Amino acid sequence: MGVQPESGTLSRRTFTTGLAAVAAAGIIPRSTRGANDRIGIGIIGCGGRGRDHLHTLNQVKAAGEAVEVTAVCEVYRPRLQDAAGKTGAKTYMHYQELLQDPAVDAVLIATPDHWHGYQLIDACEAGKDVYCEKPLTHWRQVELTRRVVQAVNVSQRVVQTGTQTLSSSAWTQAARTIQEGAIGRPVHAQAGYFRNGDWGERMPIDDPNAKPGNDLLWDTFLGDAPKREFNVSRFFQWRMYWDYAGGPSTDLFPHTYAPLLRMLNISFPATVSASGGKFRYNGEREVPDTFNMLLDFPEGISVVLLCTLANDHPLPTVVRGEEGTLLFEGENIIVKPQPGVDRPLKVDPIHRPESMVEFWRNFLACCRTRETPWSPLDLAYQAQTALQMGVFALHEKKVVRFSREKEALLL
């Protein structure tokens, strides 16, 4: 299970033996906790996103939540030391060791995409609940995506995936409106992600003179990605490269596509096609700056996802039905009937806006109650499968089909 460890890393046998000892000692986290029981968080990945989460956790704790960062893990020692200085937490350079720490009840996974699935599986097998940043897996890890679902189902751990847009109540309110027949049968939906700049991919380089060694574990970083000589850009700016990231499809579209899945109550598309490329930003960057997907579903619904990093003018999220159109204006959900449909305008105020603090509070509450969090694994699985189809469609210049019977991509 998971990537075979590189030279100098904690061995799989040592890891498994250690977990057995933890379980035998009876310190695998309990299935339920009291409302005031402290939850110890282990942070795996202390780069930019990990630091953002640490800031949010400090806000959550300051608001009275019983939570503490008890351990941090990072393959680049300066970042590890920085996180330790801000938390006083124990430090690890190998996540397997962090998972053996009995002071860790739940983990945050904020590592490069190609490590998410392996670390999520190992965390569940270690008895930890998991907040896993999106995407669920790397775009090429189709089989691993299915294995993640199996591992979580067996372990019965709480898993929240990092699509924080789902912290807004807008999507469940809109879903209810659609299910009540306000727009008739849905037939078409659109959403997009637009930005002027590629700063999300062109991350800062902490040290242009950094070298692999005891303070930078390059082989560990690579994991199951292609073996390459050390490159400072690949290490610090990994979102620019296909080996470790999926560009707009798996990095940005989860925020816009998962809400559509929630609203439309659909799962896997029948076919996906894609277009795009590097139309503005070139240089070392490999992933596209412009990416578009068309998804057709067996329920007779088409979904269009559009993205460019060259212009930030937005595309509104819209669901079109045979009898009306659902859209969002400010803090309101609007329904506009089609001509000839005698139905009054419906306006529902969105009662809970998007909030990272509330998203974390939801995860911690579910760790205590064992309820399903706002961004659950099944939704992440459905979204990631479709977005993986989009990347393959772009690479292969083909329409990619999905077999629901086999849960497999067909090129």
Protein backbone atom coordinates (compact mmCIF):
# COMPACT_ATOMS: atom_id res chain seq x y z
CA MET A 1 0.00 0.00 0.00
CA GLY A 2 1.44 3.36 -0.95
CA VAL A 3 4.72 4.35 -2.58
CA GLN A 4 7.71 2.20 -1.82
CA PRO A 5 9.98 4.29 0.43
CA GLU A 6 13.12 5.80 -1.02
CA SER A 7 16.54 5.22 0.48
CA GLY A 8 16.82 6.79 3.89
CA THR A 9 13.08 6.98 4.60
CA LEU A 10 11.04 5.13 7.18
CA SER A 11 10.40 1.62 5.86
CA ARG A 12 6.91 0.31 5.25
CA ARG A 13 7.54 -2.63 7.59
CA THR A 14 8.66 -0.34 10.40
CA PHE A 15 5.60 1.83 9.81
CA THR A 16 3.16 -1.08 9.89
CA THR A 17 4.80 -2.58 12.98
CA GLY A 18 4.59 0.76 14.71
CA LEU A 19 0.89 1.09 13.95
CA ALA A 20 0.26 -2.36 15.34
CA ALA A 21 1.94 -1.31 18.57
CA VAL A 22 -0.17 1.85 18.72
CA ALA A 23 -3.35 -0.15 18.20
CA ALA A 24 -2.32 -2.74 20.80
CA ALA A 25 -1.80 0.05 23.31
CA GLY A 26 -5.39 1.12 22.79
CA ILE A 27 -4.58 4.65 21.65
CA ILE A 28 -6.18 4.65 18.23
CA PRO A 29 -8.60 7.64 18.47
CA ARG A 30 -12.06 6.86 19.79
CA SER A 31 -15.01 6.67 17.44
CA THR A 32 -16.71 9.55 19.23
CA ARG A 33 -15.49 12.40 21.39
CA GLY A 34 -17.17 14.84 23.72
CA ALA A 35 -17.83 18.37 22.55
CA ASN A 36 -15.04 19.68 24.78
CA ASP A 37 -12.45 16.97 24.08
CA ARG A 38 -9.33 18.44 22.55
CA ILE A 39 -8.51 17.22 19.02
CA GLY A 40 -4.80 17.02 18.23
CA ILE A 41 -3.98 17.94 14.63
CA GLY A 42 -0.95 16.74 12.70
CA ILE A 43 -0.05 18.91 9.70
CA ILE A 44 1.57 17.04 6.81
CA GLY A 45 3.02 19.66 4.46
CA CYS A 46 4.09 23.07 5.78
CA GLY A 47 4.33 25.03 2.52
CA GLY A 48 2.04 27.87 1.51
CA ARG A 49 -1.23 25.99 1.86
CA GLY A 50 -0.15 24.36 5.12
CA ARG A 51 0.69 27.79 6.53
CA ASP A 52 -2.75 29.07 5.46
CA HIS A 53 -4.41 26.23 7.34
CA LEU A 54 -2.25 26.85 10.40
CA HIS A 55 -3.46 30.47 10.43
CA THR A 56 -7.07 29.28 10.15
CA LEU A 57 -6.60 26.77 12.96
CA ASN A 58 -5.26 29.56 15.17
CA GLN A 59 -8.45 31.51 14.45
CA VAL A 60 -10.58 28.47 15.22
CA LYS A 61 -8.74 27.89 18.49
CA ALA A 62 -8.99 31.57 19.46
CA ALA A 63 -12.76 31.32 18.96
CA GLY A 64 -12.89 28.65 21.68
CA GLU A 65 -12.58 25.41 19.73
CA ALA A 66 -10.81 22.58 21.60
CA VAL A 67 -8.09 21.96 19.02
CA GLU A 68 -4.28 21.93 19.08
CA VAL A 69 -1.60 21.44 16.44
CA THR A 70 0.44 18.70 18.09
CA ALA A 71 2.75 17.61 15.24
CA VAL A 72 4.06 18.96 11.94
CA CYS A 73 5.76 17.19 9.04
CA GLU A 74 7.69 18.61 6.09
CA VAL A 75 10.44 17.33 3.79
CA TYR A 76 12.14 20.76 3.71
CA ARG A 77 13.64 21.48 7.11
CA PRO A 78 13.47 25.32 7.10
CA ARG A 79 9.69 25.14 6.62
CA LEU A 80 9.46 22.47 9.30
CA GLN A 81 11.35 24.64 11.78
CA ASP A 82 9.18 27.63 10.94
CA ALA A 83 5.98 25.64 11.59
CA ALA A 84 7.41 24.26 14.83
CA GLY A 85 8.31 27.76 16.00
CA LYS A 86 4.71 28.89 15.44
CA THR A 87 3.10 25.90 17.16
CA GLY A 88 5.52 24.26 19.58
CA ALA A 89 4.52 20.99 17.92
CA LYS A 90 6.67 17.90 17.53
CA THR A 91 8.50 17.74 14.21
CA TYR A 92 8.84 14.95 11.67
CA MET A 93 10.35 14.76 8.19
CA HIS A 94 8.57 11.48 7.39
CA TYR A 95 4.80 11.49 7.60
CA GLN A 96 4.70 7.81 8.59
CA GLU A 97 6.34 8.74 11.90
CA LEU A 98 3.79 11.50 12.51
CA LEU A 99 0.99 8.97 12.01
CA GLN A 100 2.40 6.90 14.87
CA ASP A 101 2.20 9.85 17.26
CA PRO A 102 -0.61 9.17 19.79
CA ALA A 103 -1.06 12.93 20.32
CA VAL A 104 -2.35 13.19 16.73
CA ASP A 105 -6.09 12.49 16.41
CA ALA A 106 -6.57 13.92 12.92
CA VAL A 107 -4.29 15.06 10.12
CA LEU A 108 -4.25 17.81 7.56
CA ILE A 109 -2.71 16.75 4.24
CA ALA A 110 -1.33 19.78 2.37
CA THR A 111 1.39 18.15 0.28
CA PRO A 112 1.83 18.04 -3.53
CA ASP A 113 -1.03 16.30 -5.35
CA HIS A 114 0.78 13.03 -6.06
CA TRP A 115 1.14 12.31 -2.33
CA HIS A 116 -2.46 12.98 -1.22
CA GLY A 117 -3.92 9.54 -1.91
CA TYR A 118 -1.10 7.54 -0.31
CA GLN A 119 -1.04 9.71 2.80
CA LEU A 120 -4.82 9.62 3.10
CA ILE A 121 -4.88 5.82 2.96
CA ASP A 122 -2.06 5.51 5.49
CA ALA A 123 -3.72 8.03 7.82
CA CYS A 124 -7.00 6.10 7.76
CA GLU A 125 -5.18 2.84 8.44
CA ALA A 126 -3.49 4.57 11.36
CA GLY A 127 -6.90 5.45 12.82
CA LYS A 128 -6.72 9.18 12.07
CA ASP A 129 -9.49 11.35 10.71
CA VAL A 130 -8.38 13.39 7.70
CA TYR A 131 -8.73 16.83 6.19
CA CYS A 132 -7.19 16.34 2.73
CA GLU A 133 -6.53 19.25 0.42
CA LYS A 134 -7.91 18.96 -3.08
CA PRO A 135 -7.41 17.24 -5.40
CA LEU A 136 -8.04 13.85 -3.87
CA THR A 137 -5.23 12.32 -5.94
CA HIS A 138 -2.95 13.23 -8.85
CA TRP A 139 -4.56 13.24 -12.30
CA ARG A 140 -2.69 10.09 -13.43
CA GLN A 141 -3.55 8.09 -10.26
CA VAL A 142 -6.90 6.72 -11.41
CA GLU A 143 -6.55 3.37 -9.66
CA LEU A 144 -5.30 5.02 -6.47
CA THR A 145 -8.42 7.19 -6.42
CA ARG A 146 -10.55 4.05 -6.16
CA ARG A 147 -8.26 2.59 -3.49
CA VAL A 148 -8.69 5.72 -1.39
CA VAL A 149 -12.46 5.23 -1.38
CA GLN A 150 -12.09 1.58 -0.38
CA ALA A 151 -9.66 2.40 2.43
CA VAL A 152 -11.90 5.11 3.89
CA ASN A 153 -14.97 2.89 3.71
CA VAL A 154 -13.14 0.10 5.55
CA SER A 155 -11.66 2.38 8.20
CA GLN A 156 -14.82 4.45 8.76
CA ARG A 157 -12.72 7.55 9.33
CA VAL A 158 -14.11 11.05 8.85
CA VAL A 159 -12.66 12.63 5.70
CA GLN A 160 -13.20 16.24 4.67
CA THR A 161 -11.75 17.23 1.29
CA GLY A 162 -10.46 20.75 0.72
CA THR A 163 -13.19 22.16 -1.50
CA GLN A 164 -14.01 25.01 0.85
CA THR A 165 -16.60 26.47 -1.52
CA LEU A 166 -18.88 23.79 -0.09
CA SER A 167 -18.83 25.59 3.25
CA SER A 168 -21.48 27.89 1.75
CA SER A 169 -25.08 26.80 2.13
CA ALA A 170 -25.83 28.13 -1.38
CA TRP A 171 -25.35 24.75 -3.03
CA THR A 172 -27.63 22.71 -0.79
CA GLN A 173 -30.25 25.48 -0.93
CA ALA A 174 -30.02 25.53 -4.73
CA ALA A 175 -30.20 21.72 -4.85
CA ARG A 176 -33.39 21.80 -2.84
CA THR A 177 -34.85 24.44 -5.15
CA ILE A 178 -34.04 22.31 -8.21
CA GLN A 179 -35.37 19.12 -6.59
CA GLU A 180 -38.64 20.94 -5.85
CA GLY A 181 -39.06 21.45 -9.61
CA ALA A 182 -38.51 25.21 -9.76
CA ILE A 183 -36.70 25.03 -13.12
CA GLY A 184 -38.14 21.77 -14.43
CA ARG A 185 -35.71 19.09 -15.57
CA PRO A 186 -32.11 20.40 -15.54
CA VAL A 187 -30.46 20.17 -18.96
CA HIS A 188 -27.42 22.45 -18.91
CA ALA A 189 -25.06 24.02 -16.37
CA GLN A 190 -22.02 26.28 -16.52
CA ALA A 191 -19.29 27.41 -14.16
CA GLY A 192 -15.81 28.85 -14.48
CA TYR A 193 -12.62 29.94 -12.77
CA PHE A 194 -10.94 33.10 -14.02
CA ARG A 195 -7.81 34.84 -12.81
CA ASN A 196 -5.34 37.36 -14.19
CA GLY A 197 -1.98 35.88 -13.21
CA ASP A 198 -0.37 32.50 -12.63
CA TRP A 199 0.82 33.12 -9.06
CA GLY A 200 -1.07 30.03 -7.91
CA GLU A 201 1.27 27.86 -9.96
CA ARG A 202 4.41 30.02 -9.95
CA MET A 203 4.91 29.70 -6.20
CA PRO A 204 7.80 31.53 -4.50
CA ILE A 205 11.19 29.82 -4.34
CA ASP A 206 12.27 29.84 -0.69
CA ASP A 207 15.94 29.40 -1.47
CA PRO A 208 17.29 29.45 -5.06
CA ASN A 209 20.47 27.75 -3.79
CA ALA A 210 18.68 24.88 -2.04
CA LYS A 211 20.18 21.41 -2.55
CA PRO A 212 18.89 17.92 -1.76
CA GLY A 213 20.23 16.28 1.38
CA ASN A 214 19.28 15.88 5.03
CA ASP A 215 17.44 19.22 4.98
CA LEU A 216 15.62 18.65 1.67
CA LEU A 217 14.39 15.13 0.96
CA TRP A 218 14.18 15.16 -2.83
CA ASP A 219 13.61 11.43 -3.29
CA THR A 220 10.81 11.51 -0.74
CA PHE A 221 9.25 14.48 -2.52
CA LEU A 222 9.29 12.57 -5.83
CA GLY A 223 7.39 9.57 -4.45
CA ASP A 224 5.83 7.71 -7.38
CA ALA A 225 6.48 10.57 -9.83
CA PRO A 226 9.08 10.09 -12.59
CA LYS A 227 12.63 10.05 -11.23
CA ARG A 228 14.37 13.30 -12.15
CA GLU A 229 17.48 15.17 -11.12
CA PHE A 230 16.86 17.83 -8.50
CA ASN A 231 15.49 21.10 -9.86
CA VAL A 232 14.80 24.02 -7.53
CA SER A 233 11.75 25.09 -9.54
CA ARG A 234 10.24 21.60 -9.56
CA PHE A 235 10.59 21.40 -5.79
CA PHE A 236 9.25 24.81 -4.80
CA GLN A 237 6.98 25.48 -7.81
CA TRP A 238 5.64 21.98 -8.30
CA ARG A 239 2.21 23.18 -9.45
CA MET A 240 3.73 24.18 -12.79
CA TYR A 241 4.59 20.57 -13.71
CA TRP A 242 2.46 17.67 -14.94
CA ASP A 243 4.50 15.23 -12.82
CA TYR A 244 3.05 16.65 -9.59
CA ALA A 245 -0.06 18.66 -10.51
CA GLY A 246 -2.95 18.85 -12.97
CA GLY A 247 -3.20 22.56 -13.71
CA PRO A 248 -6.63 24.24 -13.75
CA SER A 249 -8.48 20.92 -14.03
CA THR A 250 -7.56 19.38 -10.69
CA ASP A 251 -6.27 22.51 -8.91
CA LEU A 252 -9.02 25.04 -9.66
CA PHE A 253 -12.08 23.25 -11.03
CA PRO A 254 -12.84 21.33 -7.80
CA HIS A 255 -14.03 24.67 -6.38
CA THR A 256 -16.55 25.20 -9.18
CA TYR A 257 -17.40 21.66 -10.25
CA ALA A 258 -18.15 20.09 -6.86
CA PRO A 259 -20.93 22.64 -6.18
CA LEU A 260 -22.53 21.70 -9.52
CA LEU A 261 -22.46 18.04 -8.53
CA ARG A 262 -24.13 18.96 -5.24
CA MET A 263 -26.83 21.05 -6.96
CA LEU A 264 -27.60 18.64 -9.79
CA ASN A 265 -27.39 15.39 -7.79
CA ILE A 266 -25.35 13.69 -10.54
CA SER A 267 -22.26 11.51 -10.21
CA PHE A 268 -20.02 10.34 -13.08
CA PRO A 269 -20.17 11.77 -16.61
CA ALA A 270 -20.64 9.53 -19.62
CA THR A 271 -18.14 11.49 -21.73
CA VAL A 272 -15.65 14.32 -21.25
CA SER A 273 -13.85 16.43 -23.85
CA ALA A 274 -11.32 19.18 -23.20
CA SER A 275 -9.39 21.97 -24.88
CA GLY A 276 -6.80 24.56 -23.89
CA GLY A 277 -3.09 25.10 -23.62
CA LYS A 278 -0.34 27.53 -22.65
CA PHE A 279 -1.74 30.61 -24.36
CA ARG A 280 -0.14 33.27 -22.13
CA TYR A 281 2.43 31.81 -19.73
CA ASN A 282 5.28 29.75 -21.13
CA GLY A 283 8.82 29.31 -19.84
CA GLU A 284 9.25 26.27 -17.61
CA ARG A 285 5.53 25.99 -16.93
CA GLU A 286 4.02 22.74 -18.30
CA VAL A 287 0.37 22.82 -17.18
CA PRO A 288 -2.04 24.93 -19.25
CA ASP A 289 -3.11 28.46 -18.37
CA THR A 290 -6.35 28.00 -20.30
CA PHE A 291 -8.49 24.90 -19.87
CA ASN A 292 -12.07 24.09 -20.84
CA MET A 293 -14.18 20.97 -20.32
CA LEU A 294 -17.48 19.70 -21.67
CA LEU A 295 -19.11 16.92 -19.65
CA ASP A 296 -22.19 14.99 -20.79
CA PHE A 297 -24.12 12.91 -18.26
CA PRO A 298 -26.35 9.89 -18.84
CA GLU A 299 -29.18 11.81 -17.12
CA GLY A 300 -29.29 14.11 -20.18
CA ILE A 301 -27.36 17.03 -18.65
CA SER A 302 -24.40 18.90 -20.14
CA VAL A 303 -21.94 20.76 -17.93
CA VAL A 304 -19.48 23.35 -19.25
CA LEU A 305 -16.40 24.37 -17.22
CA LEU A 306 -14.22 27.24 -18.48
CA CYS A 307 -10.95 28.69 -17.18
CA THR A 308 -8.23 31.13 -18.17
CA LEU A 309 -5.51 32.78 -16.12
CA ALA A 310 -5.24 35.65 -18.59
CA ASN A 311 -8.41 37.53 -17.60
CA ASP A 312 -10.36 37.73 -14.36
CA HIS A 313 -13.80 38.64 -15.73
CA PRO A 314 -16.06 35.97 -14.17
CA LEU A 315 -18.51 33.54 -15.70
CA PRO A 316 -21.65 33.22 -13.55
CA THR A 317 -22.66 29.82 -12.23
CA VAL A 318 -25.94 28.97 -13.94
CA VAL A 319 -28.20 25.91 -14.11
CA ARG A 320 -30.68 25.83 -16.99
CA GLY A 321 -33.81 23.69 -16.85
CA GLU A 322 -36.60 23.05 -19.31
CA GLU A 323 -38.88 25.46 -17.43
CA GLY A 324 -36.51 27.97 -15.86
CA THR A 325 -32.97 29.10 -15.00
CA LEU A 326 -31.31 29.13 -11.60
CA LEU A 327 -28.55 31.65 -10.97
CA PHE A 328 -26.96 33.64 -8.18
CA GLU A 329 -27.17 37.40 -7.76
CA GLY A 330 -25.27 38.76 -4.78
CA GLU A 331 -26.49 36.86 -1.73
CA ASN A 332 -29.63 35.58 -3.42
CA ILE A 333 -30.59 32.45 -5.37
CA ILE A 334 -32.72 33.53 -8.33
CA VAL A 335 -35.09 31.50 -10.51
CA LYS A 336 -36.11 33.01 -13.87
CA PRO A 337 -38.95 31.15 -15.63
CA GLN A 338 -38.82 30.38 -19.34
CA PRO A 339 -41.32 32.18 -21.60
CA GLY A 340 -44.78 30.75 -21.24
CA VAL A 341 -44.10 29.25 -17.79
CA ASP A 342 -46.46 30.76 -15.24
CA ARG A 343 -44.28 30.66 -12.15
CA PRO A 344 -43.42 33.52 -9.79
CA LEU A 345 -39.84 34.72 -9.29
CA LYS A 346 -38.28 32.86 -6.39
CA VAL A 347 -35.59 34.55 -4.28
CA ASP A 348 -33.85 32.63 -1.50
CA PRO A 349 -31.23 34.51 0.57
CA ILE A 350 -28.08 32.42 1.07
CA HIS A 351 -27.99 31.88 4.81
CA ARG A 352 -24.34 30.78 5.21
CA PRO A 353 -21.52 32.33 3.15
CA GLU A 354 -18.26 30.57 2.34
CA SER A 355 -15.87 30.47 5.32
CA MET A 356 -12.63 28.57 5.95
CA VAL A 357 -13.10 28.95 9.69
CA GLU A 358 -16.55 27.37 9.54
CA PHE A 359 -15.24 24.69 7.18
CA TRP A 360 -12.67 23.64 9.79
CA ARG A 361 -15.24 23.85 12.58
CA ASN A 362 -17.46 21.50 10.56
CA PHE A 363 -14.62 19.00 10.18
CA LEU A 364 -13.81 19.08 13.90
CA ALA A 365 -17.49 18.69 14.79
CA CYS A 366 -17.71 15.63 12.53
CA CYS A 367 -14.59 14.15 14.16
CA ARG A 368 -16.58 14.25 17.40
CA THR A 369 -20.01 13.17 16.14
CA ARG A 370 -18.92 10.90 13.20
CA GLU A 371 -21.37 12.71 10.94
CA THR A 372 -20.65 13.39 7.25
CA PRO A 373 -18.73 16.63 6.64
CA TRP A 374 -19.70 19.30 4.12
CA SER A 375 -17.16 18.15 1.52
CA PRO A 376 -17.38 14.35 1.78
CA LEU A 377 -15.26 11.70 0.10
CA ASP A 378 -17.92 10.42 -2.30
CA LEU A 379 -18.35 13.87 -3.81
CA ALA A 380 -14.56 14.31 -4.09
CA TYR A 381 -14.30 10.90 -5.79
CA GLN A 382 -16.94 11.78 -8.35
CA ALA A 383 -15.38 15.19 -9.00
CA GLN A 384 -11.81 13.91 -9.23
CA THR A 385 -12.76 11.14 -11.64
CA ALA A 386 -14.38 13.62 -14.03
CA LEU A 387 -11.44 16.05 -13.74
CA GLN A 388 -8.97 13.23 -14.39
CA MET A 389 -10.99 12.44 -17.51
CA GLY A 390 -10.54 16.06 -18.56
CA VAL A 391 -6.75 15.94 -18.26
CA PHE A 392 -6.57 12.69 -20.23
CA ALA A 393 -8.89 14.18 -22.86
CA LEU A 394 -6.53 17.13 -23.27
CA HIS A 395 -3.40 14.97 -23.42
CA GLU A 396 -4.84 12.39 -25.79
CA LYS A 397 -6.96 14.83 -27.82
CA LYS A 398 -9.83 12.36 -27.50
CA VAL A 399 -13.26 12.17 -25.95
CA VAL A 400 -12.86 10.13 -22.75
CA ARG A 401 -15.72 7.85 -21.72
CA PHE A 402 -16.54 6.46 -18.30
CA SER A 403 -17.81 2.95 -17.58
CA ARG A 404 -20.08 3.03 -14.53
CA GLU A 405 -20.14 -0.75 -14.46
CA LYS A 406 -16.35 -1.00 -14.16
CA GLU A 407 -15.80 2.47 -12.65
CA ALA A 408 -13.06 2.90 -15.26
CA LEU A 409 -11.92 5.51 -17.78
CA LEU A 410 -12.11 4.44 -21.42
CA LEU A 411 -9.89 6.22 -23.94
